[in-house]
């Protein structure tokens, strides 16, 4: 064997011995056992989660249905409340028309230049 190959071969043989000797260290065995236990625990929890999936899905469907029904009732109630509010505003406006007309008549009869200052607060 040429002399130039002796050193690389010796280095590779030494590395192989170190690697082979390190595999039997109890710390590595403990770490591998812990890792396997964690993986087993993870897979067990995942399997339980998947088994419960159908029940959770059915429960979620019922919750969605309940929430939908609640929102429909809210919309009906709010729709009626809004209609009552708008109708009340219209009735108030109609009931106050004579007073508005009288006030406008006074404003425009007396000083028309002041009407532009007075109309916005009167209407809004």
C-alpha atoms as a PDB file:
ATOM      1  CA  UNK A   1       0.000   0.000   0.000  1.00  0.00           C
ATOM      2  CA  UNK A   2       1.425   3.378  -0.895  1.00  0.00           C
ATOM      3  CA  UNK A   3       2.393   5.595   1.940  1.00  0.00           C
ATOM      4  CA  UNK A   4      -0.102   8.327   0.958  1.00  0.00           C
ATOM      5  CA  UNK A   5      -3.080   5.998   1.577  1.00  0.00           C
ATOM      6  CA  UNK A   6      -1.962   4.859   5.041  1.00  0.00           C
ATOM      7  CA  UNK A   7      -2.981   8.057   6.849  1.00  0.00           C
ATOM      8  CA  UNK A   8      -6.476   8.389   5.314  1.00  0.00           C
ATOM      9  CA  UNK A   9      -7.155   4.671   5.876  1.00  0.00           C
ATOM     10  CA  UNK A  10      -6.001   4.919   9.496  1.00  0.00           C
ATOM     11  CA  UNK A  11      -8.181   8.010   9.995  1.00  0.00           C
ATOM     12  CA  UNK A  12     -11.237   6.273   8.529  1.00  0.00           C
ATOM     13  CA  UNK A  13     -10.645   3.159  10.636  1.00  0.00           C
ATOM     14  CA  UNK A  14     -10.345   5.290  13.781  1.00  0.00           C
ATOM     15  CA  UNK A  15     -13.573   7.140  12.975  1.00  0.00           C
ATOM     16  CA  UNK A  16     -15.362   3.850  12.355  1.00  0.00           C
ATOM     17  CA  UNK A  17     -14.187   2.553  15.751  1.00  0.00           C
ATOM     18  CA  UNK A  18     -15.348   5.738  17.501  1.00  0.00           C
ATOM     19  CA  UNK A  19     -18.746   5.600  15.829  1.00  0.00           C
ATOM     20  CA  UNK A  20     -19.180   1.919  16.584  1.00  0.00           C
ATOM     21  CA  UNK A  21     -18.115   2.396  20.217  1.00  0.00           C
ATOM     22  CA  UNK A  22     -20.491   5.360  20.660  1.00  0.00           C
ATOM     23  CA  UNK A  23     -23.576   3.396  19.582  1.00  0.00           C
ATOM     24  CA  UNK A  24     -23.443   1.300  22.725  1.00  0.00           C
ATOM     25  CA  UNK A  25     -23.345   4.232  25.111  1.00  0.00           C
ATOM     26  CA  UNK A  26     -26.316   3.957  27.524  1.00  0.00           C
ATOM     27  CA  UNK A  27     -27.080   7.684  27.179  1.00  0.00           C
ATOM     28  CA  UNK A  28     -27.815   7.215  23.488  1.00  0.00           C
ATOM     29  CA  UNK A  29     -29.985   4.200  24.242  1.00  0.00           C
ATOM     30  CA  UNK A  30     -31.928   6.213  26.857  1.00  0.00           C
ATOM     31  CA  UNK A  31     -32.401   9.115  24.445  1.00  0.00           C
ATOM     32  CA  UNK A  32     -33.619   6.759  21.729  1.00  0.00           C
ATOM     33  CA  UNK A  33     -36.028   5.063  24.174  1.00  0.00           C
ATOM     34  CA  UNK A  34     -37.377   8.466  25.311  1.00  0.00           C
ATOM     35  CA  UNK A  35     -37.841   9.536  21.706  1.00  0.00           C
ATOM     36  CA  UNK A  36     -39.691   6.312  20.909  1.00  0.00           C
ATOM     37  CA  UNK A  37     -41.911   6.770  24.001  1.00  0.00           C
ATOM     38  CA  UNK A  38     -42.751  10.334  22.945  1.00  0.00           C
ATOM     39  CA  UNK A  39     -43.584   9.221  19.426  1.00  0.00           C
ATOM     40  CA  UNK A  40     -45.768   6.424  20.804  1.00  0.00           C
ATOM     41  CA  UNK A  41     -47.544   8.895  23.146  1.00  0.00           C
ATOM     42  CA  UNK A  42     -48.063  11.340  20.285  1.00  0.00           C
ATOM     43  CA  UNK A  43     -49.497   8.650  18.024  1.00  0.00           C
ATOM     44  CA  UNK A  44     -51.780   7.397  20.833  1.00  0.00           C
ATOM     45  CA  UNK A  45     -53.135  10.903  21.450  1.00  0.00           C
ATOM     46  CA  UNK A  46     -53.577  11.443  17.731  1.00  0.00           C
ATOM     47  CA  UNK A  47     -55.519   8.170  17.413  1.00  0.00           C
ATOM     48  CA  UNK A  48     -57.786   9.143  20.345  1.00  0.00           C
ATOM     49  CA  UNK A  49     -58.342  12.549  18.792  1.00  0.00           C
ATOM     50  CA  UNK A  50     -59.316  10.944  15.492  1.00  0.00           C
ATOM     51  CA  UNK A  51     -61.683   8.476  17.204  1.00  0.00           C
ATOM     52  CA  UNK A  52     -63.479  11.387  18.892  1.00  0.00           C
ATOM     53  CA  UNK A  53     -63.623  13.343  15.644  1.00  0.00           C
ATOM     54  CA  UNK A  54     -67.068  12.102  14.581  1.00  0.00           C
ATOM     55  CA  UNK A  55     -68.659  13.078  17.888  1.00  0.00           C
ATOM     56  CA  UNK A  56     -66.955  16.480  17.825  1.00  0.00           C
ATOM     57  CA  UNK A  57     -68.097  17.033  14.267  1.00  0.00           C
ATOM     58  CA  UNK A  58     -71.707  16.170  15.147  1.00  0.00           C
ATOM     59  CA  UNK A  59     -71.531  18.443  18.190  1.00  0.00           C
ATOM     60  CA  UNK A  60     -70.134  21.264  16.064  1.00  0.00           C
ATOM     61  CA  UNK A  61     -72.998  20.843  13.589  1.00  0.00           C
ATOM     62  CA  UNK A  62     -75.504  21.194  16.431  1.00  0.00           C
ATOM     63  CA  UNK A  63     -73.696  24.270  17.746  1.00  0.00           C
ATOM     64  CA  UNK A  64     -73.673  25.844  14.299  1.00  0.00           C
ATOM     65  CA  UNK A  65     -77.411  25.162  13.948  1.00  0.00           C
ATOM     66  CA  UNK A  66     -78.111  26.724  17.363  1.00  0.00           C
ATOM     67  CA  UNK A  67     -75.987  29.770  16.558  1.00  0.00           C
ATOM     68  CA  UNK A  68     -77.710  30.166  13.197  1.00  0.00           C
ATOM     69  CA  UNK A  69     -81.146  30.015  14.832  1.00  0.00           C
ATOM     70  CA  UNK A  70     -80.048  32.569  17.443  1.00  0.00           C
ATOM     71  CA  UNK A  71     -78.799  34.931  14.731  1.00  0.00           C
ATOM     72  CA  UNK A  72     -82.039  34.545  12.744  1.00  0.00           C
ATOM     73  CA  UNK A  73     -84.064  35.494  15.833  1.00  0.00           C
ATOM     74  CA  UNK A  74     -81.751  38.442  16.494  1.00  0.00           C
ATOM     75  CA  UNK A  75     -82.196  39.629  12.929  1.00  0.00           C
ATOM     76  CA  UNK A  76     -85.984  39.375  13.181  1.00  0.00           C
ATOM     77  CA  UNK A  77     -86.011  41.268  16.459  1.00  0.00           C
ATOM     78  CA  UNK A  78     -83.607  43.940  15.226  1.00  0.00           C
ATOM     79  CA  UNK A  79     -85.515  44.240  11.947  1.00  0.00           C
ATOM     80  CA  UNK A  80     -88.746  44.911  13.835  1.00  0.00           C
ATOM     81  CA  UNK A  81     -86.978  47.302  16.207  1.00  0.00           C
ATOM     82  CA  UNK A  82     -85.534  49.224  13.243  1.00  0.00           C
ATOM     83  CA  UNK A  83     -88.926  49.338  11.509  1.00  0.00           C
ATOM     84  CA  UNK A  84     -90.548  50.644  14.708  1.00  0.00           C
ATOM     85  CA  UNK A  85     -87.835  53.275  15.083  1.00  0.00           C
ATOM     86  CA  UNK A  86     -88.151  54.468  11.475  1.00  0.00           C
ATOM     87  CA  UNK A  87     -91.963  54.474  11.643  1.00  0.00           C
ATOM     88  CA  UNK A  88     -91.819  56.428  14.912  1.00  0.00           C
ATOM     89  CA  UNK A  89     -89.498  58.949  13.311  1.00  0.00           C
ATOM     90  CA  UNK A  90     -91.820  59.308  10.319  1.00  0.00           C
ATOM     91  CA  UNK A  91     -94.851  59.738  12.593  1.00  0.00           C
ATOM     92  CA  UNK A  92     -93.003  62.310  14.704  1.00  0.00           C
ATOM     93  CA  UNK A  93     -92.037  64.189  11.555  1.00  0.00           C
ATOM     94  CA  UNK A  94     -95.597  64.121  10.251  1.00  0.00           C
ATOM     95  CA  UNK A  95     -97.051  65.139  13.630  1.00  0.00           C
ATOM     96  CA  UNK A  96     -94.659  68.103  13.831  1.00  0.00           C
ATOM     97  CA  UNK A  97     -95.301  69.327  10.271  1.00  0.00           C
ATOM     98  CA  UNK A  98     -97.680  72.095  11.372  1.00  0.00           C
ATOM     99  CA  UNK A  99     -95.058  73.391  13.837  1.00  0.00           C
ATOM    100  CA  UNK A 100     -92.342  73.224  11.179  1.00  0.00           C
ATOM    101  CA  UNK A 101     -94.516  75.095   8.702  1.00  0.00           C
ATOM    102  CA  UNK A 102     -95.355  77.749  11.269  1.00  0.00           C
ATOM    103  CA  UNK A 103     -91.723  78.215  12.215  1.00  0.00           C
ATOM    104  CA  UNK A 104     -90.689  78.442   8.553  1.00  0.00           C
ATOM    105  CA  UNK A 105     -93.484  80.915   7.885  1.00  0.00           C
ATOM    106  CA  UNK A 106     -92.252  83.116  10.758  1.00  0.00           C
ATOM    107  CA  UNK A 107     -88.664  82.901   9.621  1.00  0.00           C
ATOM    108  CA  UNK A 108     -89.329  83.618   5.983  1.00  0.00           C
ATOM    109  CA  UNK A 109     -91.957  86.258   6.665  1.00  0.00           C
ATOM    110  CA  UNK A 110     -89.710  88.218   8.974  1.00  0.00           C
ATOM    111  CA  UNK A 111     -86.087  88.007   7.823  1.00  0.00           C
ATOM    112  CA  UNK A 112     -85.328  85.622   4.920  1.00  0.00           C
ATOM    113  CA  UNK A 113     -81.555  86.104   5.305  1.00  0.00           C
ATOM    114  CA  UNK A 114     -81.663  84.340   8.710  1.00  0.00           C
ATOM    115  CA  UNK A 115     -83.475  81.298   7.309  1.00  0.00           C
ATOM    116  CA  UNK A 116     -80.199  79.680   6.208  1.00  0.00           C
ATOM    117  CA  UNK A 117     -78.858  79.927   9.760  1.00  0.00           C
ATOM    118  CA  UNK A 118     -82.002  78.552  11.377  1.00  0.00           C
ATOM    119  CA  UNK A 119     -83.181  75.773   9.039  1.00  0.00           C
ATOM    120  CA  UNK A 120     -80.317  73.261   9.635  1.00  0.00           C
ATOM    121  CA  UNK A 121     -80.781  73.126  13.443  1.00  0.00           C
ATOM    122  CA  UNK A 122     -84.527  72.950  12.963  1.00  0.00           C
ATOM    123  CA  UNK A 123     -84.357  69.973  10.607  1.00  0.00           C
ATOM    124  CA  UNK A 124     -81.445  68.118  12.193  1.00  0.00           C
END
